[in-house]
Amino acid sequence: MEFDINKVSGIGEYFTEEVTVGEGVDAEKVLVYKVKIADKADELDSVDYVDEGSRAFLVIRKNTLELRTDRKLLGLLREKYETVMESRYFGKGGVEIVNSGQLSSEEINDLVRLSYNLSAEKQSN
């Protein structure tokens, strides 16, 4: 499955960060997508974005995608698809999807949109 985040409509601004997870032989570089948050500076002319406190909504590994979701949806997806498991990055708050083609690109895009919205909502609280 080739995934292109630019084809997902309805998500706001985000930034990416390359992160090393794990240690030693198990260490791997992953691409983490985070919701941008506006810096609460007094200047109204320019809005700077900061990454402190930003929440991840998508993690791209070599063979999987990880997304934030709720536990009920995680359970439903795991029952329906054998290539969906609990996320290593988000834990019980997310899903990890093996790039097998079992989920359609529309389903993946819907999950990315949901993940972005959940992350933005949690960030604003």
PDB file of N, CA and C in Angstrom:
ATOM      1  N   MET A   1       0.849  -1.172   0.000  1.00  0.00           N
ATOM      2  CA  MET A   1       0.000   0.000   0.000  1.00  0.00           C
ATOM      3  C   MET A   1       0.893   1.232   0.000  1.00  0.00           C
ATOM      4  N   GLU A   2       0.708   2.068  -0.957  1.00  0.00           N
ATOM      5  CA  GLU A   2       1.384   3.362  -0.988  1.00  0.00           C
ATOM      6  C   GLU A   2       0.457   4.365  -0.324  1.00  0.00           C
ATOM      7  N   PHE A   3       0.989   5.101   0.638  1.00  0.00           N
ATOM      8  CA  PHE A   3       0.166   6.084   1.335  1.00  0.00           C
ATOM      9  C   PHE A   3       0.712   7.478   1.080  1.00  0.00           C
ATOM     10  N   ASP A   4      -0.164   8.377   0.647  1.00  0.00           N
ATOM     11  CA  ASP A   4       0.211   9.762   0.395  1.00  0.00           C
ATOM     12  C   ASP A   4      -0.719  10.661   1.201  1.00  0.00           C
ATOM     13  N   ILE A   5      -0.186  11.261   2.253  1.00  0.00           N
ATOM     14  CA  ILE A   5      -1.008  12.093   3.134  1.00  0.00           C
ATOM     15  C   ILE A   5      -1.583  13.301   2.396  1.00  0.00           C
ATOM     16  N   ASN A   6      -0.938  13.733   1.334  1.00  0.00           N
ATOM     17  CA  ASN A   6      -1.436  14.884   0.572  1.00  0.00           C
ATOM     18  C   ASN A   6      -2.755  14.595  -0.129  1.00  0.00           C
ATOM     19  N   LYS A   7      -3.121  13.331  -0.257  1.00  0.00           N
ATOM     20  CA  LYS A   7      -4.391  12.972  -0.885  1.00  0.00           C
ATOM     21  C   LYS A   7      -5.538  12.886   0.112  1.00  0.00           C
ATOM     22  N   VAL A   8      -5.234  13.091   1.401  1.00  0.00           N
ATOM     23  CA  VAL A   8      -6.269  13.033   2.429  1.00  0.00           C
ATOM     24  C   VAL A   8      -6.853  14.433   2.601  1.00  0.00           C
ATOM     25  N   SER A   9      -8.115  14.578   2.279  1.00  0.00           N
ATOM     26  CA  SER A   9      -8.760  15.888   2.427  1.00  0.00           C
ATOM     27  C   SER A   9      -9.310  16.039   3.835  1.00  0.00           C
ATOM     28  N   GLY A  10      -9.504  17.284   4.254  1.00  0.00           N
ATOM     29  CA  GLY A  10     -10.175  17.542   5.522  1.00  0.00           C
ATOM     30  C   GLY A  10      -9.301  17.516   6.746  1.00  0.00           C
ATOM     31  N   ILE A  11      -7.984  17.504   6.583  1.00  0.00           N
ATOM     32  CA  ILE A  11      -7.132  17.621   7.762  1.00  0.00           C
ATOM     33  C   ILE A  11      -6.476  18.998   7.734  1.00  0.00           C
ATOM     34  N   GLY A  12      -6.151  19.477   8.916  1.00  0.00           N
ATOM     35  CA  GLY A  12      -5.544  20.794   9.029  1.00  0.00           C
ATOM     36  C   GLY A  12      -4.036  20.733   8.866  1.00  0.00           C
ATOM     37  N   GLU A  13      -3.369  21.713   9.442  1.00  0.00           N
ATOM     38  CA  GLU A  13      -1.920  21.816   9.281  1.00  0.00           C
ATOM     39  C   GLU A  13      -1.204  20.829  10.201  1.00  0.00           C
ATOM     40  N   TYR A  14      -0.097  20.323   9.716  1.00  0.00           N
ATOM     41  CA  TYR A  14       0.691  19.367  10.469  1.00  0.00           C
ATOM     42  C   TYR A  14       2.153  19.544  10.109  1.00  0.00           C
ATOM     43  N   PHE A  15       3.013  18.931  10.881  1.00  0.00           N
ATOM     44  CA  PHE A  15       4.432  18.900  10.546  1.00  0.00           C
ATOM     45  C   PHE A  15       4.937  17.482  10.793  1.00  0.00           C
ATOM     46  N   THR A  16       6.077  17.176  10.241  1.00  0.00           N
ATOM     47  CA  THR A  16       6.630  15.832  10.398  1.00  0.00           C
ATOM     48  C   THR A  16       7.935  15.900  11.178  1.00  0.00           C
ATOM     49  N   GLU A  17       8.223  14.792  11.824  1.00  0.00           N
ATOM     50  CA  GLU A  17       9.430  14.690  12.620  1.00  0.00           C
ATOM     51  C   GLU A  17       9.942  13.255  12.490  1.00  0.00           C
ATOM     52  N   GLU A  18      11.228  13.097  12.172  1.00  0.00           N
ATOM     53  CA  GLU A  18      11.803  11.758  12.118  1.00  0.00           C
ATOM     54  C   GLU A  18      12.292  11.402  13.523  1.00  0.00           C
ATOM     55  N   VAL A  19      11.838  10.275  14.035  1.00  0.00           N
ATOM     56  CA  VAL A  19      12.128   9.871  15.401  1.00  0.00           C
ATOM     57  C   VAL A  19      12.716   8.470  15.395  1.00  0.00           C
ATOM     58  N   THR A  20      13.689   8.225  16.253  1.00  0.00           N
ATOM     59  CA  THR A  20      14.212   6.873  16.433  1.00  0.00           C
ATOM     60  C   THR A  20      13.504   6.264  17.630  1.00  0.00           C
ATOM     61  N   VAL A  21      12.878   5.113  17.416  1.00  0.00           N
ATOM     62  CA  VAL A  21      12.204   4.408  18.503  1.00  0.00           C
ATOM     63  C   VAL A  21      12.938   3.102  18.760  1.00  0.00           C
ATOM     64  N   GLY A  22      12.951   2.672  19.987  1.00  0.00           N
ATOM     65  CA  GLY A  22      13.655   1.453  20.362  1.00  0.00           C
ATOM     66  C   GLY A  22      15.134   1.720  20.548  1.00  0.00           C
ATOM     67  N   GLU A  23      15.820   0.678  20.942  1.00  0.00           N
ATOM     68  CA  GLU A  23      17.252   0.792  21.195  1.00  0.00           C
ATOM     69  C   GLU A  23      17.985  -0.374  20.566  1.00  0.00           C
ATOM     70  N   GLY A  24      19.261  -0.170  20.321  1.00  0.00           N
ATOM     71  CA  GLY A  24      20.133  -1.238  19.822  1.00  0.00           C
ATOM     72  C   GLY A  24      19.677  -1.793  18.496  1.00  0.00           C
ATOM     73  N   VAL A  25      19.653  -3.109  18.385  1.00  0.00           N
ATOM     74  CA  VAL A  25      19.281  -3.803  17.149  1.00  0.00           C
ATOM     75  C   VAL A  25      17.835  -3.525  16.765  1.00  0.00           C
ATOM     76  N   ASP A  26      16.979  -3.315  17.766  1.00  0.00           N
ATOM     77  CA  ASP A  26      15.554  -3.081  17.509  1.00  0.00           C
ATOM     78  C   ASP A  26      15.222  -1.642  17.146  1.00  0.00           C
ATOM     79  N   ALA A  27      16.197  -0.745  17.202  1.00  0.00           N
ATOM     80  CA  ALA A  27      15.938   0.661  16.908  1.00  0.00           C
ATOM     81  C   ALA A  27      15.558   0.850  15.441  1.00  0.00           C
ATOM     82  N   GLU A  28      14.599   1.716  15.208  1.00  0.00           N
ATOM     83  CA  GLU A  28      14.207   2.037  13.831  1.00  0.00           C
ATOM     84  C   GLU A  28      13.776   3.494  13.765  1.00  0.00           C
ATOM     85  N   LYS A  29      13.959   4.071  12.587  1.00  0.00           N
ATOM     86  CA  LYS A  29      13.517   5.448  12.365  1.00  0.00           C
ATOM     87  C   LYS A  29      12.089   5.408  11.834  1.00  0.00           C
ATOM     88  N   VAL A  30      11.248   6.238  12.424  1.00  0.00           N
ATOM     89  CA  VAL A  30       9.859   6.340  11.977  1.00  0.00           C
ATOM     90  C   VAL A  30       9.567   7.800  11.679  1.00  0.00           C
ATOM     91  N   LEU A  31       8.596   8.037  10.828  1.00  0.00           N
ATOM     92  CA  LEU A  31       8.167   9.390  10.504  1.00  0.00           C
ATOM     93  C   LEU A  31       6.891   9.658  11.295  1.00  0.00           C
ATOM     94  N   VAL A  32       6.927  10.673  12.149  1.00  0.00           N
ATOM     95  CA  VAL A  32       5.791  11.011  13.004  1.00  0.00           C
ATOM     96  C   VAL A  32       5.165  12.302  12.496  1.00  0.00           C
ATOM     97  N   TYR A  33       3.863  12.258  12.281  1.00  0.00           N
ATOM     98  CA  TYR A  33       3.100  13.432  11.846  1.00  0.00           C
ATOM     99  C   TYR A  33       2.388  13.998  13.067  1.00  0.00           C
ATOM    100  N   LYS A  34       2.565  15.312  13.308  1.00  0.00           N
ATOM    101  CA  LYS A  34       1.970  15.953  14.475  1.00  0.00           C
ATOM    102  C   LYS A  34       1.119  17.147  14.071  1.00  0.00           C
ATOM    103  N   VAL A  35       0.073  17.380  14.860  1.00  0.00           N
ATOM    104  CA  VAL A  35      -0.810  18.525  14.661  1.00  0.00           C
ATOM    105  C   VAL A  35      -0.045  19.787  15.038  1.00  0.00           C
ATOM    106  N   LYS A  36      -0.086  20.798  14.177  1.00  0.00           N
ATOM    107  CA  LYS A  36       0.559  22.075  14.494  1.00  0.00           C
ATOM    108  C   LYS A  36      -0.286  22.845  15.483  1.00  0.00           C
ATOM    109  N   ILE A  37       0.392  23.482  16.424  1.00  0.00           N
ATOM    110  CA  ILE A  37      -0.324  24.351  17.350  1.00  0.00           C
ATOM    111  C   ILE A  37       0.256  25.747  17.243  1.00  0.00           C
ATOM    112  N   ALA A  38      -0.602  26.728  17.334  1.00  0.00           N
ATOM    113  CA  ALA A  38      -0.159  28.115  17.210  1.00  0.00           C
ATOM    114  C   ALA A  38       0.527  28.554  18.488  1.00  0.00           C
ATOM    115  N   ASP A  39       1.623  29.251  18.322  1.00  0.00           N
ATOM    116  CA  ASP A  39       2.318  29.851  19.452  1.00  0.00           C
ATOM    117  C   ASP A  39       1.462  31.020  19.936  1.00  0.00           C
ATOM    118  N   LYS A  40       1.273  31.131  21.219  1.00  0.00           N
ATOM    119  CA  LYS A  40       0.400  32.177  21.738  1.00  0.00           C
ATOM    120  C   LYS A  40       1.162  33.478  21.944  1.00  0.00           C
ATOM    121  N   ALA A  41       1.801  33.919  20.880  1.00  0.00           N
ATOM    122  CA  ALA A  41       2.546  35.182  20.925  1.00  0.00           C
ATOM    123  C   ALA A  41       1.571  36.345  20.790  1.00  0.00           C
ATOM    124  N   ASP A  42       2.016  37.521  21.218  1.00  0.00           N
ATOM    125  CA  ASP A  42       1.149  38.702  21.161  1.00  0.00           C
ATOM    126  C   ASP A  42       1.000  39.259  19.756  1.00  0.00           C
ATOM    127  N   GLU A  43       1.971  38.951  18.873  1.00  0.00           N
ATOM    128  CA  GLU A  43       1.877  39.491  17.521  1.00  0.00           C
ATOM    129  C   GLU A  43       0.764  38.790  16.751  1.00  0.00           C
ATOM    130  N   LEU A  44      -0.119  39.577  16.194  1.00  0.00           N
ATOM    131  CA  LEU A  44      -1.207  39.016  15.413  1.00  0.00           C
ATOM    132  C   LEU A  44      -0.841  38.928  13.937  1.00  0.00           C
ATOM    133  N   ASP A  45       0.222  39.623  13.530  1.00  0.00           N
ATOM    134  CA  ASP A  45       0.600  39.643  12.118  1.00  0.00           C
ATOM    135  C   ASP A  45       1.147  38.304  11.657  1.00  0.00           C
ATOM    136  N   SER A  46       1.937  37.660  12.498  1.00  0.00           N
ATOM    137  CA  SER A  46       2.512  36.380  12.078  1.00  0.00           C
ATOM    138  C   SER A  46       2.237  35.334  13.143  1.00  0.00           C
ATOM    139  N   VAL A  47       1.861  34.180  12.684  1.00  0.00           N
ATOM    140  CA  VAL A  47       1.615  33.069  13.591  1.00  0.00           C
ATOM    141  C   VAL A  47       2.748  32.077  13.412  1.00  0.00           C
ATOM    142  N   ASP A  48       3.479  31.863  14.489  1.00  0.00           N
ATOM    143  CA  ASP A  48       4.543  30.867  14.462  1.00  0.00           C
ATOM    144  C   ASP A  48       3.990  29.572  15.022  1.00  0.00           C
ATOM    145  N   TYR A  49       4.540  28.486  14.544  1.00  0.00           N
ATOM    146  CA  TYR A  49       4.093  27.196  15.039  1.00  0.00           C
ATOM    147  C   TYR A  49       5.203  26.567  15.855  1.00  0.00           C
ATOM    148  N   VAL A  50       4.820  25.936  16.926  1.00  0.00           N
ATOM    149  CA  VAL A  50       5.787  25.285  17.792  1.00  0.00           C
ATOM    150  C   VAL A  50       5.437  23.807  17.902  1.00  0.00           C
ATOM    151  N   ASP A  51       6.449  23.005  18.188  1.00  0.00           N
ATOM    152  CA  ASP A  51       6.170  21.579  18.304  1.00  0.00           C
ATOM    153  C   ASP A  51       6.045  21.117  19.747  1.00  0.00           C
ATOM    154  N   GLU A  52       6.375  21.970  20.719  1.00  0.00           N
ATOM    155  CA  GLU A  52       6.222  21.565  22.109  1.00  0.00           C
ATOM    156  C   GLU A  52       4.754  21.342  22.427  1.00  0.00           C
ATOM    157  N   GLY A  53       4.438  20.199  22.946  1.00  0.00           N
ATOM    158  CA  GLY A  53       3.065  19.883  23.303  1.00  0.00           C
ATOM    159  C   GLY A  53       2.218  19.424  22.141  1.00  0.00           C
ATOM    160  N   SER A  54       2.781  19.363  20.942  1.00  0.00           N
ATOM    161  CA  SER A  54       2.016  18.901  19.791  1.00  0.00           C
ATOM    162  C   SER A  54       1.725  17.415  19.927  1.00  0.00           C
ATOM    163  N   ARG A  55       0.608  17.001  19.381  1.00  0.00           N
ATOM    164  CA  ARG A  55       0.199  15.598  19.502  1.00  0.00           C
ATOM    165  C   ARG A  55       0.326  14.899  18.167  1.00  0.00           C
ATOM    166  N   ALA A  56       0.905  13.718  18.218  1.00  0.00           N
ATOM    167  CA  ALA A  56       1.052  12.903  17.019  1.00  0.00           C
ATOM    168  C   ALA A  56      -0.308  12.344  16.603  1.00  0.00           C
ATOM    169  N   PHE A  57      -0.513  12.230  15.292  1.00  0.00           N
ATOM    170  CA  PHE A  57      -1.739  11.606  14.800  1.00  0.00           C
ATOM    171  C   PHE A  57      -1.455  10.480  13.810  1.00  0.00           C
ATOM    172  N   LEU A  58      -0.217  10.379  13.323  1.00  0.00           N
ATOM    173  CA  LEU A  58       0.127   9.350  12.343  1.00  0.00           C
ATOM    174  C   LEU A  58       1.606   9.015  12.495  1.00  0.00           C
ATOM    175  N   VAL A  59       1.907   7.733  12.483  1.00  0.00           N
ATOM    176  CA  VAL A  59       3.294   7.271  12.506  1.00  0.00           C
ATOM    177  C   VAL A  59       3.464   6.319  11.333  1.00  0.00           C
ATOM    178  N   ILE A  60       4.441   6.617  10.493  1.00  0.00           N
ATOM    179  CA  ILE A  60       4.703   5.757   9.341  1.00  0.00           C
ATOM    180  C   ILE A  60       5.982   4.974   9.600  1.00  0.00           C
ATOM    181  N   ARG A  61       5.844   3.665   9.659  1.00  0.00           N
ATOM    182  CA  ARG A  61       6.977   2.750   9.783  1.00  0.00           C
ATOM    183  C   ARG A  61       7.225   2.134   8.408  1.00  0.00           C
ATOM    184  N   LYS A  62       8.233   1.302   8.310  1.00  0.00           N
ATOM    185  CA  LYS A  62       8.592   0.698   7.021  1.00  0.00           C
ATOM    186  C   LYS A  62       7.419  -0.076   6.410  1.00  0.00           C
ATOM    187  N   ASN A  63       6.725  -0.869   7.216  1.00  0.00           N
ATOM    188  CA  ASN A  63       5.657  -1.721   6.695  1.00  0.00           C
ATOM    189  C   ASN A  63       4.289  -1.473   7.309  1.00  0.00           C
ATOM    190  N   THR A  64       4.177  -0.445   8.159  1.00  0.00           N
ATOM    191  CA  THR A  64       2.890  -0.205   8.821  1.00  0.00           C
ATOM    192  C   THR A  64       2.596   1.281   8.951  1.00  0.00           C
ATOM    193  N   LEU A  65       1.320   1.564   9.195  1.00  0.00           N
ATOM    194  CA  LEU A  65       0.845   2.900   9.564  1.00  0.00           C
ATOM    195  C   LEU A  65       0.238   2.788  10.952  1.00  0.00           C
ATOM    196  N   GLU A  66       0.478   3.791  11.802  1.00  0.00           N
ATOM    197  CA  GLU A  66      -0.129   3.810  13.123  1.00  0.00           C
ATOM    198  C   GLU A  66      -0.935   5.091  13.266  1.00  0.00           C
ATOM    199  N   LEU A  67      -2.154   4.943  13.797  1.00  0.00           N
ATOM    200  CA  LEU A  67      -3.093   6.056  13.897  1.00  0.00           C
ATOM    201  C   LEU A  67      -3.749   6.071  15.262  1.00  0.00           C
ATOM    202  N   ARG A  68      -4.089   7.267  15.719  1.00  0.00           N
ATOM    203  CA  ARG A  68      -4.837   7.406  16.968  1.00  0.00           C
ATOM    204  C   ARG A  68      -6.298   7.035  16.700  1.00  0.00           C
ATOM    205  N   THR A  69      -6.917   6.342  17.635  1.00  0.00           N
ATOM    206  CA  THR A  69      -8.327   5.993  17.519  1.00  0.00           C
ATOM    207  C   THR A  69      -8.886   5.765  18.917  1.00  0.00           C
ATOM    208  N   ASP A  70     -10.138   5.355  19.018  1.00  0.00           N
ATOM    209  CA  ASP A  70     -10.667   5.017  20.337  1.00  0.00           C
ATOM    210  C   ASP A  70     -10.724   3.494  20.479  1.00  0.00           C
ATOM    211  N   ARG A  71     -10.906   3.039  21.690  1.00  0.00           N
ATOM    212  CA  ARG A  71     -10.826   1.600  21.983  1.00  0.00           C
ATOM    213  C   ARG A  71     -11.921   0.797  21.295  1.00  0.00           C
ATOM    214  N   LYS A  72     -13.113   1.375  21.170  1.00  0.00           N
ATOM    215  CA  LYS A  72     -14.214   0.654  20.514  1.00  0.00           C
ATOM    216  C   LYS A  72     -13.894   0.414  19.043  1.00  0.00           C
ATOM    217  N   LEU A  73     -13.394   1.445  18.381  1.00  0.00           N
ATOM    218  CA  LEU A  73     -13.049   1.303  16.965  1.00  0.00           C
ATOM    219  C   LEU A  73     -11.879   0.339  16.804  1.00  0.00           C
ATOM    220  N   LEU A  74     -10.916   0.398  17.713  1.00  0.00           N
ATOM    221  CA  LEU A  74      -9.799  -0.544  17.685  1.00  0.00           C
ATOM    222  C   LEU A  74     -10.317  -1.973  17.715  1.00  0.00           C
ATOM    223  N   GLY A  75     -11.257  -2.253  18.612  1.00  0.00           N
ATOM    224  CA  GLY A  75     -11.831  -3.593  18.713  1.00  0.00           C
ATOM    225  C   GLY A  75     -12.534  -4.012  17.437  1.00  0.00           C
ATOM    226  N   LEU A  76     -13.331  -3.134  16.856  1.00  0.00           N
ATOM    227  CA  LEU A  76     -14.048  -3.445  15.618  1.00  0.00           C
ATOM    228  C   LEU A  76     -13.093  -3.721  14.462  1.00  0.00           C
ATOM    229  N   LEU A  77     -12.067  -2.872  14.336  1.00  0.00           N
ATOM    230  CA  LEU A  77     -11.103  -3.057  13.243  1.00  0.00           C
ATOM    231  C   LEU A  77     -10.314  -4.355  13.406  1.00  0.00           C
ATOM    232  N   ARG A  78      -9.956  -4.692  14.644  1.00  0.00           N
ATOM    233  CA  ARG A  78      -9.207  -5.929  14.880  1.00  0.00           C
ATOM    234  C   ARG A  78     -10.050  -7.157  14.572  1.00  0.00           C
ATOM    235  N   GLU A  79     -11.362  -7.071  14.831  1.00  0.00           N
ATOM    236  CA  GLU A  79     -12.255  -8.186  14.499  1.00  0.00           C
ATOM    237  C   GLU A  79     -12.417  -8.340  12.994  1.00  0.00           C
ATOM    238  N   LYS A  80     -12.492  -7.230  12.294  1.00  0.00           N
ATOM    239  CA  LYS A  80     -12.766  -7.248  10.853  1.00  0.00           C
ATOM    240  C   LYS A  80     -11.527  -7.565  10.013  1.00  0.00           C
ATOM    241  N   TYR A  81     -10.361  -7.060  10.432  1.00  0.00           N
ATOM    242  CA  TYR A  81      -9.151  -7.206   9.616  1.00  0.00           C
ATOM    243  C   TYR A  81      -8.045  -7.892  10.408  1.00  0.00           C
ATOM    244  N   GLU A  82      -7.443  -8.893   9.824  1.00  0.00           N
ATOM    245  CA  GLU A  82      -6.339  -9.574  10.506  1.00  0.00           C
ATOM    246  C   GLU A  82      -5.041  -8.778  10.461  1.00  0.00           C
ATOM    247  N   THR A  83      -4.978  -7.743   9.628  1.00  0.00           N
ATOM    248  CA  THR A  83      -3.765  -6.926   9.519  1.00  0.00           C
ATOM    249  C   THR A  83      -3.792  -5.690  10.409  1.00  0.00           C
ATOM    250  N   VAL A  84      -4.769  -5.614  11.318  1.00  0.00           N
ATOM    251  CA  VAL A  84      -4.879  -4.493  12.250  1.00  0.00           C
ATOM    252  C   VAL A  84      -4.583  -5.000  13.655  1.00  0.00           C
ATOM    253  N   MET A  85      -3.711  -4.256  14.355  1.00  0.00           N
ATOM    254  CA  MET A  85      -3.369  -4.610  15.728  1.00  0.00           C
ATOM    255  C   MET A  85      -3.274  -3.349  16.572  1.00  0.00           C
ATOM    256  N   GLU A  86      -3.093  -3.539  17.872  1.00  0.00           N
ATOM    257  CA  GLU A  86      -2.903  -2.395  18.762  1.00  0.00           C
ATOM    258  C   GLU A  86      -1.602  -1.694  18.408  1.00  0.00           C
ATOM    259  N   SER A  87      -1.615  -0.386  18.433  1.00  0.00           N
ATOM    260  CA  SER A  87      -0.460   0.421  18.057  1.00  0.00           C
ATOM    261  C   SER A  87       0.674   0.307  19.072  1.00  0.00           C
ATOM    262  N   ARG A  88       1.900   0.207  18.576  1.00  0.00           N
ATOM    263  CA  ARG A  88       3.070   0.236  19.452  1.00  0.00           C
ATOM    264  C   ARG A  88       3.319   1.664  19.934  1.00  0.00           C
ATOM    265  N   TYR A  89       3.047   2.641  19.106  1.00  0.00           N
ATOM    266  CA  TYR A  89       3.312   4.049  19.445  1.00  0.00           C
ATOM    267  C   TYR A  89       2.219   4.625  20.344  1.00  0.00           C
ATOM    268  N   PHE A  90       0.952   4.413  19.980  1.00  0.00           N
ATOM    269  CA  PHE A  90      -0.173   4.985  20.718  1.00  0.00           C
ATOM    270  C   PHE A  90      -0.717   4.056  21.798  1.00  0.00           C
ATOM    271  N   GLY A  91      -0.322   2.793  21.798  1.00  0.00           N
ATOM    272  CA  GLY A  91      -0.853   1.829  22.754  1.00  0.00           C
ATOM    273  C   GLY A  91      -2.317   1.537  22.468  1.00  0.00           C
ATOM    274  N   LYS A  92      -3.110   1.432  23.544  1.00  0.00           N
ATOM    275  CA  LYS A  92      -4.532   1.115  23.376  1.00  0.00           C
ATOM    276  C   LYS A  92      -5.321   2.269  22.767  1.00  0.00           C
ATOM    277  N   GLY A  93      -4.663   3.414  22.591  1.00  0.00           N
ATOM    278  CA  GLY A  93      -5.320   4.575  22.001  1.00  0.00           C
ATOM    279  C   GLY A  93      -5.125   4.649  20.499  1.00  0.00           C
ATOM    280  N   GLY A  94      -4.671   3.554  19.887  1.00  0.00           N
ATOM    281  CA  GLY A  94      -4.434   3.606  18.449  1.00  0.00           C
ATOM    282  C   GLY A  94      -4.373   2.242  17.797  1.00  0.00           C
ATOM    283  N   VAL A  95      -4.287   2.259  16.474  1.00  0.00           N
ATOM    284  CA  VAL A  95      -4.188   1.035  15.683  1.00  0.00           C
ATOM    285  C   VAL A  95      -2.912   1.066  14.855  1.00  0.00           C
ATOM    286  N   GLU A  96      -2.398  -0.118  14.588  1.00  0.00           N
ATOM    287  CA  GLU A  96      -1.286  -0.282  13.663  1.00  0.00           C
ATOM    288  C   GLU A  96      -1.798  -1.158  12.532  1.00  0.00           C
ATOM    289  N   ILE A  97      -1.618  -0.688  11.307  1.00  0.00           N
ATOM    290  CA  ILE A  97      -2.147  -1.375  10.129  1.00  0.00           C
ATOM    291  C   ILE A  97      -0.982  -1.837   9.264  1.00  0.00           C
ATOM    292  N   VAL A  98      -0.919  -3.120   9.024  1.00  0.00           N
ATOM    293  CA  VAL A  98       0.120  -3.670   8.152  1.00  0.00           C
ATOM    294  C   VAL A  98      -0.225  -3.313   6.717  1.00  0.00           C
ATOM    295  N   ASN A  99       0.783  -2.885   5.963  1.00  0.00           N
ATOM    296  CA  ASN A  99       0.586  -2.481   4.567  1.00  0.00           C
ATOM    297  C   ASN A  99       0.372  -3.701   3.676  1.00  0.00           C
ATOM    298  N   SER A 100      -0.814  -4.280   3.769  1.00  0.00           N
ATOM    299  CA  SER A 100      -1.108  -5.493   3.006  1.00  0.00           C
ATOM    300  C   SER A 100      -2.130  -5.268   1.897  1.00  0.00           C
ATOM    301  N   GLY A 101      -2.788  -4.112   1.914  1.00  0.00           N
ATOM    302  CA  GLY A 101      -3.840  -3.849   0.939  1.00  0.00           C
ATOM    303  C   GLY A 101      -5.197  -4.329   1.393  1.00  0.00           C
ATOM    304  N   GLN A 102      -5.281  -4.867   2.609  1.00  0.00           N
ATOM    305  CA  GLN A 102      -6.557  -5.372   3.102  1.00  0.00           C
ATOM    306  C   GLN A 102      -7.563  -4.234   3.316  1.00  0.00           C
ATOM    307  N   LEU A 103      -7.101  -3.083   3.777  1.00  0.00           N
ATOM    308  CA  LEU A 103      -7.972  -1.913   3.920  1.00  0.00           C
ATOM    309  C   LEU A 103      -7.858  -1.071   2.657  1.00  0.00           C
ATOM    310  N   SER A 104      -8.965  -0.514   2.220  1.00  0.00           N
ATOM    311  CA  SER A 104      -8.952   0.328   1.022  1.00  0.00           C
ATOM    312  C   SER A 104      -8.322   1.678   1.342  1.00  0.00           C
ATOM    313  N   SER A 105      -7.912   2.392   0.309  1.00  0.00           N
ATOM    314  CA  SER A 105      -7.319   3.712   0.521  1.00  0.00           C
ATOM    315  C   SER A 105      -8.339   4.671   1.131  1.00  0.00           C
ATOM    316  N   GLU A 106      -9.628   4.512   0.813  1.00  0.00           N
ATOM    317  CA  GLU A 106     -10.665   5.351   1.406  1.00  0.00           C
ATOM    318  C   GLU A 106     -10.770   5.111   2.908  1.00  0.00           C
ATOM    319  N   GLU A 107     -10.689   3.836   3.321  1.00  0.00           N
ATOM    320  CA  GLU A 107     -10.745   3.519   4.745  1.00  0.00           C
ATOM    321  C   GLU A 107      -9.531   4.093   5.480  1.00  0.00           C
ATOM    322  N   ILE A 108      -8.357   3.964   4.870  1.00  0.00           N
ATOM    323  CA  ILE A 108      -7.140   4.520   5.465  1.00  0.00           C
ATOM    324  C   ILE A 108      -7.273   6.035   5.601  1.00  0.00           C
ATOM    325  N   ASN A 109      -7.736   6.696   4.544  1.00  0.00           N
ATOM    326  CA  ASN A 109      -7.907   8.154   4.593  1.00  0.00           C
ATOM    327  C   ASN A 109      -8.889   8.569   5.678  1.00  0.00           C
ATOM    328  N   ASP A 110      -9.983   7.823   5.837  1.00  0.00           N
ATOM    329  CA  ASP A 110     -10.950   8.114   6.890  1.00  0.00           C
ATOM    330  C   ASP A 110     -10.313   7.975   8.269  1.00  0.00           C
ATOM    331  N   LEU A 111      -9.490   6.943   8.451  1.00  0.00           N
ATOM    332  CA  LEU A 111      -8.819   6.737   9.734  1.00  0.00           C
ATOM    333  C   LEU A 111      -7.797   7.839  10.017  1.00  0.00           C
ATOM    334  N   VAL A 112      -7.087   8.290   8.991  1.00  0.00           N
ATOM    335  CA  VAL A 112      -6.125   9.390   9.164  1.00  0.00           C
ATOM    336  C   VAL A 112      -6.866  10.661   9.564  1.00  0.00           C
ATOM    337  N   ARG A 113      -7.984  10.937   8.907  1.00  0.00           N
ATOM    338  CA  ARG A 113      -8.792  12.119   9.217  1.00  0.00           C
ATOM    339  C   ARG A 113      -9.303  12.057  10.661  1.00  0.00           C
ATOM    340  N   LEU A 114      -9.807  10.892  11.064  1.00  0.00           N
ATOM    341  CA  LEU A 114     -10.289  10.703  12.433  1.00  0.00           C
ATOM    342  C   LEU A 114      -9.144  10.908  13.425  1.00  0.00           C
ATOM    343  N   SER A 115      -7.999  10.328  13.137  1.00  0.00           N
ATOM    344  CA  SER A 115      -6.839  10.444  14.015  1.00  0.00           C
ATOM    345  C   SER A 115      -6.412  11.898  14.171  1.00  0.00           C
ATOM    346  N   TYR A 116      -6.388  12.628  13.064  1.00  0.00           N
ATOM    347  CA  TYR A 116      -6.033  14.057  13.120  1.00  0.00           C
ATOM    348  C   TYR A 116      -7.016  14.803  14.015  1.00  0.00           C
ATOM    349  N   ASN A 117      -8.313  14.564  13.805  1.00  0.00           N
ATOM    350  CA  ASN A 117      -9.337  15.275  14.569  1.00  0.00           C
ATOM    351  C   ASN A 117      -9.277  14.935  16.055  1.00  0.00           C
ATOM    352  N   LEU A 118      -9.052  13.663  16.391  1.00  0.00           N
ATOM    353  CA  LEU A 118      -8.920  13.266  17.794  1.00  0.00           C
ATOM    354  C   LEU A 118      -7.704  13.930  18.433  1.00  0.00           C
ATOM    355  N   SER A 119      -6.610  13.991  17.690  1.00  0.00           N
ATOM    356  CA  SER A 119      -5.380  14.602  18.214  1.00  0.00           C
ATOM    357  C   SER A 119      -5.541  16.100  18.412  1.00  0.00           C
ATOM    358  N   ALA A 120      -6.170  16.763  17.444  1.00  0.00           N
ATOM    359  CA  ALA A 120      -6.401  18.201  17.556  1.00  0.00           C
ATOM    360  C   ALA A 120      -7.329  18.517  18.713  1.00  0.00           C
ATOM    361  N   GLU A 121      -8.349  17.681  18.900  1.00  0.00           N
ATOM    362  CA  GLU A 121      -9.306  17.877  19.984  1.00  0.00           C
ATOM    363  C   GLU A 121      -8.629  17.698  21.346  1.00  0.00           C
ATOM    364  N   LYS A 122      -7.816  16.666  21.488  1.00  0.00           N
ATOM    365  CA  LYS A 122      -7.113  16.440  22.759  1.00  0.00           C
ATOM    366  C   LYS A 122      -6.112  17.543  23.037  1.00  0.00           C
ATOM    367  N   GLN A 123      -5.520  18.055  21.991  1.00  0.00           N
ATOM    368  CA  GLN A 123      -4.514  19.107  22.135  1.00  0.00           C
ATOM    369  C   GLN A 123      -5.136  20.397  22.643  1.00  0.00           C
ATOM    370  N   SER A 124      -6.357  20.680  22.210  1.00  0.00           N
ATOM    371  CA  SER A 124      -7.007  21.935  22.601  1.00  0.00           C
ATOM    372  C   SER A 124      -7.566  21.880  24.016  1.00  0.00           C
ATOM    373  N   ASN A 125      -7.670  20.690  24.584  1.00  0.00           N
ATOM    374  CA  ASN A 125      -8.202  20.562  25.958  1.00  0.00           C
ATOM    375  C   ASN A 125      -7.146  20.826  26.989  1.00  0.00           C
TER     376      ASN A 125
END
